[in-house]
Amino acid sequence: YCHKNSEPKTMLLNDITSFLCHESPSKTDFLTELDNPQLFFQNPWDRWTSYLQMCDYSKIFIISDSNTKQHCVPYFYQKTGLSDCPQYSIQAGESSKNLSTCEHIWEFCLNNQIDRNSLIIALGGGVVCDITGFCASSLLRGIDFIYIPTSLMAMSDASHGGKNGINFKGFKNQIGLFNAPKAVLIDTTFLETLPDRHLKNGYVEMIKHAFIDNPPYWEELCDYPWPLDTETLKSYLKKSIRTKMDIVDLDFHEKGPRKMLNFGHTYGHAIESMALADGTDILHGEAIALGMLYEAWLSDQLFNWKSHWLAKFTTLLKPFLPTFTVPLDRVDDLIYWMNGDKKKSNHKIGFSLLEVPGKGRVDIDVKPELIIKSLEYYNII
């Protein structure tokens, strides 16, 4: 059965090839690859129907947020007919990604008689996916869950790879685990509900995928200034998913090469935590854009990049940078938040940097003096 306990695994490379080649899986595919996350991209709702027929869940729960409840849940009901399922909505935004929200979700599910043969659906962006995956993985020692990402951030990055979790005491993703959803359903119709700022938020992770692993893809992005037309964005979305899943497939539990997906995130998560503590409005992708700028500068300094690489990457990132910056007199605050980074090991902050575009180095120790100088770079661009 689809819902039975299984060891989390990443998507197989042939699954990726299948969706890129417009192939639809047969019922046999569902029965022979049950332990691997399915990716429903082409004809997603037909594949969704086939999946549910195979799995025969006792009850289906839906977790949304205050934005997707209004803009996305009605469309979901229209496509699935599941309007009678228990549905819980959290407040939209990063501030909801905490233990208190988990308690409310767990209580809601238990009060509605959830059991181990149930399914929980995350219908929302990265926050909804992260917290739903964590709640489902820990409730009753594990409930099946599926992601239906509604933001470009979640479609391109957050819904793939099996990471889920919550923030704790202001620090990003301090509590969580690796557990992949049973499926990820991508319907780009949801992107029509997003303002430009949130589309740009997700595009930042797509830039990252290209820069760390696929230089030709990065060069292609440089040739297409924002905003993109719909078909080009869909094409790049497929490339980004494939890039991320190729990396995850090599290193699901992030012991080695998967750490390169953290490029920009050592600064980025610290900046995000600083901004949230200050009450400043900042999106994850905006913080990561700034983090990638700083970490690109570090890479240039430590690995003697060709002169045009940093300038070209900076030009690509400029439209996505936030108004929030880190002043030099707050570098101690920045390092404080960096020291809470979940990737810290042996009392050291491990940066993921690039020797050259497409070739990474992980667990790089960076001196505080370089961190200070990196902040100065923003002032001269």
Protein backbone atom coordinates (compact mmCIF):
# COMPACT_ATOMS: atom_id res chain seq x y z
CA TYR A 1 0.00 0.00 0.00
CA CYS A 2 1.16 3.54 -0.73
CA HIS A 3 0.85 4.66 2.84
CA LYS A 4 2.80 1.94 4.61
CA ASN A 5 5.98 2.75 6.48
CA SER A 6 8.99 3.03 4.23
CA GLU A 7 12.49 4.41 4.31
CA PRO A 8 12.51 7.93 2.79
CA LYS A 9 14.31 8.05 -0.51
CA THR A 10 14.89 10.66 -3.14
CA MET A 11 13.30 10.72 -6.55
CA LEU A 12 14.94 8.36 -8.98
CA LEU A 13 16.62 9.88 -11.99
CA ASN A 14 14.24 8.04 -14.30
CA ASP A 15 11.32 9.74 -12.55
CA ILE A 16 12.87 13.08 -13.50
CA THR A 17 13.46 11.91 -17.05
CA SER A 18 9.87 10.70 -17.22
CA PHE A 19 8.32 14.03 -16.34
CA LEU A 20 10.69 15.97 -18.59
CA CYS A 21 9.79 13.70 -21.49
CA HIS A 22 6.05 14.16 -20.92
CA GLU A 23 5.54 10.53 -19.91
CA SER A 24 2.66 9.58 -17.65
CA PRO A 25 3.20 6.67 -15.28
CA SER A 26 1.02 3.59 -15.46
CA LYS A 27 -0.60 2.04 -12.42
CA THR A 28 2.29 -0.43 -12.42
CA ASP A 29 4.68 2.51 -11.93
CA PHE A 30 2.82 3.51 -8.78
CA LEU A 31 2.97 -0.03 -7.44
CA THR A 32 6.65 -0.62 -8.19
CA GLU A 33 8.04 2.75 -7.08
CA LEU A 34 5.90 3.40 -4.03
CA ASP A 35 8.79 4.30 -1.77
CA ASN A 36 10.05 7.07 -4.06
CA PRO A 37 8.49 10.53 -4.22
CA GLN A 38 6.40 10.94 -7.33
CA LEU A 39 6.61 14.20 -9.25
CA PHE A 40 3.33 15.16 -10.88
CA PHE A 41 4.23 17.87 -13.41
CA GLN A 42 2.73 16.84 -16.73
CA ASN A 43 -1.03 16.24 -16.42
CA PRO A 44 -0.67 16.59 -12.64
CA TRP A 45 -4.32 16.20 -11.67
CA ASP A 46 -4.78 13.02 -13.74
CA ARG A 47 -1.76 11.54 -12.01
CA TRP A 48 -3.11 12.73 -8.67
CA THR A 49 -6.37 10.84 -9.30
CA SER A 50 -4.49 7.66 -10.20
CA TYR A 51 -2.36 7.96 -7.09
CA LEU A 52 -5.35 8.30 -4.77
CA GLN A 53 -7.04 5.32 -6.40
CA MET A 54 -3.98 3.23 -5.65
CA CYS A 55 -3.59 4.37 -2.06
CA ASP A 56 -7.10 4.27 -0.58
CA TYR A 57 -6.42 6.64 2.33
CA SER A 58 -8.85 6.58 5.24
CA LYS A 59 -8.93 10.37 5.54
CA ILE A 60 -7.33 13.35 3.84
CA PHE A 61 -6.30 16.54 5.64
CA ILE A 62 -5.38 19.86 4.02
CA ILE A 63 -3.00 22.43 5.52
CA SER A 64 -2.98 25.88 3.93
CA ASP A 65 -2.22 29.43 5.02
CA SER A 66 -4.31 32.59 5.12
CA ASN A 67 -3.28 33.48 1.55
CA THR A 68 -3.67 30.09 -0.12
CA LYS A 69 -6.96 29.47 1.71
CA GLN A 70 -8.37 32.44 -0.18
CA HIS A 71 -6.58 32.17 -3.54
CA CYS A 72 -5.69 28.48 -4.00
CA VAL A 73 -7.97 26.22 -1.95
CA PRO A 74 -11.05 26.92 -4.14
CA TYR A 75 -9.08 25.89 -7.25
CA PHE A 76 -7.88 22.76 -5.43
CA TYR A 77 -11.47 21.86 -4.56
CA GLN A 78 -12.47 22.40 -8.19
CA LYS A 79 -9.75 20.04 -9.44
CA THR A 80 -10.19 17.34 -6.77
CA GLY A 81 -13.71 17.51 -5.33
CA LEU A 82 -12.26 17.22 -1.83
CA SER A 83 -14.16 20.12 -0.29
CA ASP A 84 -15.39 17.96 2.59
CA CYS A 85 -11.86 17.20 3.87
CA PRO A 86 -10.73 18.72 7.20
CA GLN A 87 -8.76 21.86 6.37
CA TYR A 88 -6.57 23.90 8.71
CA SER A 89 -5.13 27.29 7.80
CA ILE A 90 -2.11 28.91 9.45
CA GLN A 91 -1.21 32.59 9.32
CA ALA A 92 0.86 33.28 6.20
CA GLY A 93 4.53 34.13 6.66
CA GLU A 94 7.77 32.96 8.23
CA SER A 95 6.62 33.98 11.72
CA SER A 96 4.22 30.99 11.73
CA LYS A 97 7.00 28.45 11.25
CA ASN A 98 7.29 27.57 14.93
CA LEU A 99 6.45 24.98 17.55
CA SER A 100 3.23 26.71 18.60
CA THR A 101 1.83 26.38 15.08
CA CYS A 102 2.80 22.70 15.08
CA GLU A 103 0.83 22.19 18.28
CA HIS A 104 -2.26 23.71 16.65
CA ILE A 105 -1.87 21.50 13.56
CA TRP A 106 -1.35 18.35 15.64
CA GLU A 107 -4.34 19.18 17.83
CA PHE A 108 -6.53 19.84 14.79
CA CYS A 109 -5.56 16.53 13.19
CA LEU A 110 -6.05 14.50 16.37
CA ASN A 111 -9.41 16.15 17.08
CA ASN A 112 -10.48 15.09 13.57
CA GLN A 113 -9.52 11.44 14.15
CA ILE A 114 -6.39 11.22 12.04
CA ASP A 115 -4.84 7.75 11.85
CA ARG A 116 -1.79 6.17 10.26
CA ASN A 117 -3.72 5.46 7.07
CA SER A 118 -4.43 9.19 6.59
CA LEU A 119 -2.86 11.64 4.17
CA ILE A 120 -1.89 15.26 4.89
CA ILE A 121 -1.66 17.69 1.98
CA ALA A 122 0.41 20.87 2.17
CA LEU A 123 -1.20 23.45 -0.09
CA GLY A 124 1.01 26.52 0.02
CA GLY A 125 4.49 27.95 -0.27
CA GLY A 126 7.73 27.01 1.44
CA VAL A 127 6.55 27.70 4.99
CA VAL A 128 3.44 25.55 4.57
CA CYS A 129 5.46 22.72 3.02
CA ASP A 130 8.18 22.85 5.68
CA ILE A 131 5.85 22.84 8.66
CA THR A 132 3.37 20.35 7.20
CA GLY A 133 6.13 17.90 6.37
CA PHE A 134 7.50 18.20 9.89
CA CYS A 135 4.11 17.80 11.55
CA ALA A 136 3.18 14.81 9.39
CA SER A 137 6.55 13.12 9.90
CA SER A 138 6.32 13.33 13.68
CA LEU A 139 2.59 12.78 14.28
CA LEU A 140 1.77 9.16 15.18
CA ARG A 141 5.39 8.39 14.23
CA GLY A 142 4.72 9.27 10.62
CA ILE A 143 1.77 10.12 8.39
CA ASP A 144 1.96 10.18 4.59
CA PHE A 145 2.09 13.68 3.17
CA ILE A 146 2.02 15.32 -0.25
CA TYR A 147 3.17 18.79 -1.27
CA ILE A 148 1.15 20.93 -3.64
CA PRO A 149 3.41 24.00 -3.83
CA THR A 150 1.70 27.24 -4.80
CA SER A 151 4.71 29.60 -4.90
CA LEU A 152 7.69 29.63 -7.25
CA MET A 153 9.95 29.25 -4.20
CA ALA A 154 8.22 26.03 -3.20
CA MET A 155 7.86 24.69 -6.75
CA SER A 156 11.53 25.20 -7.60
CA ASP A 157 13.15 24.37 -4.27
CA ALA A 158 11.35 23.95 -0.94
CA SER A 159 9.10 21.04 -1.92
CA HIS A 160 11.97 18.89 -3.21
CA GLY A 161 14.66 17.02 -1.33
CA GLY A 162 12.93 15.83 1.83
CA LYS A 163 13.95 18.59 4.24
CA ASN A 164 11.27 19.78 6.60
CA GLY A 165 11.27 21.64 9.90
CA ILE A 166 10.60 24.78 11.88
CA ASN A 167 12.44 27.76 13.31
CA PHE A 168 13.28 27.88 17.02
CA LYS A 169 14.26 30.81 19.22
CA GLY A 170 14.62 32.98 16.13
CA PHE A 171 17.07 30.63 14.38
CA LYS A 172 16.14 29.19 11.00
CA ASN A 173 15.25 25.51 10.61
CA GLN A 174 16.74 24.46 13.95
CA ILE A 175 14.27 21.61 14.48
CA GLY A 176 13.47 19.25 11.65
CA LEU A 177 14.28 16.07 9.82
CA PHE A 178 14.81 14.46 6.46
CA ASN A 179 11.65 12.78 5.22
CA ALA A 180 10.39 13.01 1.67
CA PRO A 181 6.74 13.46 0.72
CA LYS A 182 4.99 10.70 -1.15
CA ALA A 183 4.47 13.06 -4.06
CA VAL A 184 4.91 16.64 -5.22
CA LEU A 185 2.20 18.02 -7.51
CA ILE A 186 3.14 21.08 -9.54
CA ASP A 187 0.45 23.10 -11.28
CA THR A 188 1.91 26.37 -12.53
CA THR A 189 -1.59 27.84 -12.64
CA PHE A 190 -1.02 28.72 -8.99
CA LEU A 191 1.72 31.15 -10.02
CA GLU A 192 -0.97 33.39 -11.49
CA THR A 193 -2.01 34.25 -7.92
CA LEU A 194 1.43 35.66 -7.03
CA PRO A 195 2.59 39.30 -7.12
CA ASP A 196 5.91 40.06 -8.81
CA ARG A 197 7.78 40.27 -5.52
CA HIS A 198 6.92 36.67 -4.66
CA LEU A 199 7.78 35.42 -8.14
CA LYS A 200 11.18 37.08 -7.84
CA ASN A 201 11.51 35.51 -4.38
CA GLY A 202 11.39 32.01 -5.89
CA TYR A 203 13.50 32.85 -8.92
CA VAL A 204 16.47 33.53 -6.64
CA GLU A 205 16.73 29.81 -5.81
CA MET A 206 16.63 29.01 -9.52
CA ILE A 207 19.57 31.37 -10.05
CA LYS A 208 21.38 29.51 -7.29
CA HIS A 209 20.77 26.11 -8.91
CA ALA A 210 22.20 27.36 -12.18
CA PHE A 211 25.25 29.03 -10.64
CA ILE A 212 26.36 26.13 -8.41
CA ASP A 213 25.83 23.26 -10.82
CA ASN A 214 25.02 24.23 -14.38
CA PRO A 215 27.09 27.09 -15.90
CA PRO A 216 25.35 26.91 -19.33
CA TYR A 217 22.00 27.33 -17.54
CA TRP A 218 23.47 30.27 -15.61
CA GLU A 219 24.65 31.88 -18.85
CA GLU A 220 21.15 31.40 -20.24
CA LEU A 221 19.61 33.16 -17.24
CA CYS A 222 21.99 36.07 -17.73
CA ASP A 223 20.65 36.51 -21.28
CA TYR A 224 17.00 36.70 -20.17
CA PRO A 225 16.33 39.70 -17.94
CA TRP A 226 13.46 39.63 -15.49
CA PRO A 227 10.50 39.36 -15.92
CA LEU A 228 10.26 36.19 -18.01
CA ASP A 229 7.39 35.05 -20.16
CA THR A 230 5.36 32.13 -18.82
CA GLU A 231 6.75 29.42 -21.09
CA THR A 232 10.37 30.40 -20.45
CA LEU A 233 9.74 30.39 -16.71
CA LYS A 234 8.22 26.89 -16.92
CA SER A 235 11.23 25.67 -18.89
CA TYR A 236 13.65 27.07 -16.32
CA LEU A 237 11.54 25.63 -13.51
CA LYS A 238 12.02 22.14 -14.95
CA LYS A 239 15.77 22.70 -15.21
CA SER A 240 15.97 23.87 -11.60
CA ILE A 241 14.01 20.91 -10.27
CA ARG A 242 16.22 18.55 -12.21
CA THR A 243 19.39 20.25 -10.99
CA LYS A 244 18.32 20.10 -7.37
CA MET A 245 17.15 16.49 -7.52
CA ASP A 246 20.33 15.34 -9.27
CA ILE A 247 22.27 16.74 -6.30
CA VAL A 248 19.89 15.37 -3.67
CA ASP A 249 19.95 11.94 -5.27
CA LEU A 250 23.69 11.79 -4.58
CA ASP A 251 23.46 12.86 -0.94
CA PHE A 252 19.98 12.78 0.62
CA HIS A 253 21.14 13.42 4.20
CA GLU A 254 23.50 16.27 3.28
CA LYS A 255 26.80 14.75 4.30
CA GLY A 256 28.75 16.04 1.32
CA PRO A 257 27.82 17.39 -2.13
CA ARG A 258 24.28 18.39 -1.15
CA LYS A 259 25.79 21.05 1.09
CA MET A 260 26.40 23.11 -2.04
CA LEU A 261 22.67 23.84 -2.13
CA ASN A 262 23.42 25.99 0.93
CA PHE A 263 25.34 28.50 -1.18
CA GLY A 264 24.14 31.91 -0.04
CA HIS A 265 22.32 30.46 2.95
CA THR A 266 24.91 30.95 5.70
CA TYR A 267 24.58 34.70 5.25
CA GLY A 268 21.02 34.45 4.01
CA HIS A 269 19.54 32.65 7.00
CA ALA A 270 21.41 34.94 9.40
CA ILE A 271 20.11 37.99 7.52
CA GLU A 272 16.59 36.58 7.57
CA SER A 273 16.79 35.97 11.33
CA MET A 274 18.15 39.48 11.91
CA ALA A 275 15.37 41.05 9.87
CA LEU A 276 12.65 39.03 11.58
CA ALA A 277 14.05 39.91 15.00
CA ASP A 278 13.98 43.58 13.97
CA GLY A 279 10.43 43.28 12.71
CA THR A 280 11.59 44.02 9.17
CA ASP A 281 9.64 42.56 6.25
CA ILE A 282 11.91 40.31 4.21
CA LEU A 283 11.25 37.24 2.11
CA HIS A 284 13.46 34.16 2.13
CA GLY A 285 14.61 34.64 -1.44
CA GLU A 286 15.47 38.27 -0.83
CA ALA A 287 17.70 37.28 2.08
CA ILE A 288 19.28 34.51 0.00
CA ALA A 289 19.95 36.92 -2.87
CA LEU A 290 21.91 39.14 -0.50
CA GLY A 291 23.61 36.07 0.98
CA MET A 292 24.66 34.86 -2.45
CA LEU A 293 26.10 38.27 -3.25
CA TYR A 294 28.27 38.17 -0.14
CA GLU A 295 29.28 34.54 -0.64
CA ALA A 296 30.10 35.15 -4.29
CA TRP A 297 32.42 37.92 -3.13
CA LEU A 298 34.03 35.51 -0.63
CA SER A 299 34.45 32.92 -3.40
CA ASP A 300 36.10 35.53 -5.60
CA GLN A 301 38.51 36.46 -2.80
CA LEU A 302 39.39 32.92 -1.74
CA PHE A 303 39.57 31.23 -5.15
CA ASN A 304 40.78 34.06 -7.39
CA TRP A 305 37.88 34.11 -9.81
CA LYS A 306 38.16 35.45 -13.33
CA SER A 307 37.50 39.16 -13.19
CA HIS A 308 34.13 39.14 -15.01
CA TRP A 309 32.43 36.37 -13.01
CA LEU A 310 31.64 38.40 -9.90
CA ALA A 311 30.48 41.39 -11.94
CA LYS A 312 28.25 39.23 -14.11
CA PHE A 313 26.72 37.42 -11.15
CA THR A 314 26.15 40.71 -9.32
CA THR A 315 24.37 42.17 -12.34
CA LEU A 316 22.09 39.12 -12.49
CA LEU A 317 21.24 39.40 -8.77
CA LYS A 318 20.64 43.15 -8.56
CA PRO A 319 16.90 43.09 -9.39
CA PHE A 320 16.32 40.57 -6.59
CA LEU A 321 18.19 42.24 -3.73
CA PRO A 322 16.19 43.51 -0.75
CA THR A 323 16.23 47.03 0.62
CA PHE A 324 17.41 45.51 3.91
CA THR A 325 21.19 45.53 4.34
CA VAL A 326 23.60 44.72 7.14
CA PRO A 327 25.43 47.87 8.31
CA LEU A 328 29.05 47.43 9.33
CA ASP A 329 28.27 48.32 12.94
CA ARG A 330 26.02 45.25 13.15
CA VAL A 331 28.53 42.65 12.01
CA ASP A 332 28.58 41.15 15.52
CA ASP A 333 24.83 40.62 15.28
CA LEU A 334 25.29 38.92 11.91
CA ILE A 335 27.95 36.57 13.27
CA TYR A 336 25.74 35.82 16.29
CA TRP A 337 22.98 34.58 13.99
CA MET A 338 25.51 32.74 11.81
CA ASN A 339 26.71 30.84 14.87
CA GLY A 340 23.25 29.36 15.19
CA ASP A 341 23.44 27.97 11.66
CA LYS A 342 22.29 24.34 11.55
CA LYS A 343 25.30 23.40 9.39
CA LYS A 344 27.79 24.40 12.08
CA SER A 345 30.15 21.56 12.97
CA ASN A 346 33.09 21.26 15.37
CA HIS A 347 32.41 24.81 16.58
CA LYS A 348 32.96 26.18 13.07
CA ILE A 349 30.62 27.82 10.60
CA GLY A 350 30.97 25.91 7.35
CA PHE A 351 30.45 28.02 4.25
CA SER A 352 29.52 26.52 0.89
CA LEU A 353 31.46 28.49 -1.72
CA LEU A 354 32.43 28.17 -5.39
CA GLU A 355 35.91 27.62 -6.80
CA VAL A 356 34.39 28.45 -10.17
CA PRO A 357 30.76 28.58 -11.33
CA GLY A 358 29.54 24.99 -11.29
CA LYS A 359 32.27 23.66 -8.98
CA GLY A 360 31.71 23.99 -5.26
CA ARG A 361 33.68 23.64 -2.06
CA VAL A 362 31.93 22.94 1.23
CA ASP A 363 32.77 23.41 4.91
CA ILE A 364 34.97 26.44 4.23
CA ASP A 365 36.11 28.30 7.33
CA VAL A 366 35.94 32.09 6.81
CA LYS A 367 37.69 34.59 9.07
CA PRO A 368 35.61 37.39 10.64
CA GLU A 369 37.78 39.97 8.86
CA LEU A 370 36.59 38.66 5.49
CA ILE A 371 32.98 38.71 6.63
CA ILE A 372 33.36 42.41 7.47
CA LYS A 373 34.94 43.15 4.09
CA SER A 374 32.17 41.28 2.29
CA LEU A 375 29.62 43.68 3.76
CA GLU A 376 31.57 46.56 2.28
CA TYR A 377 31.18 45.08 -1.19
CA TYR A 378 27.44 45.83 -1.18
CA ASN A 379 28.18 49.53 -0.73
CA ILE A 380 30.20 49.77 -3.93
CA ILE A 381 28.00 47.90 -6.40
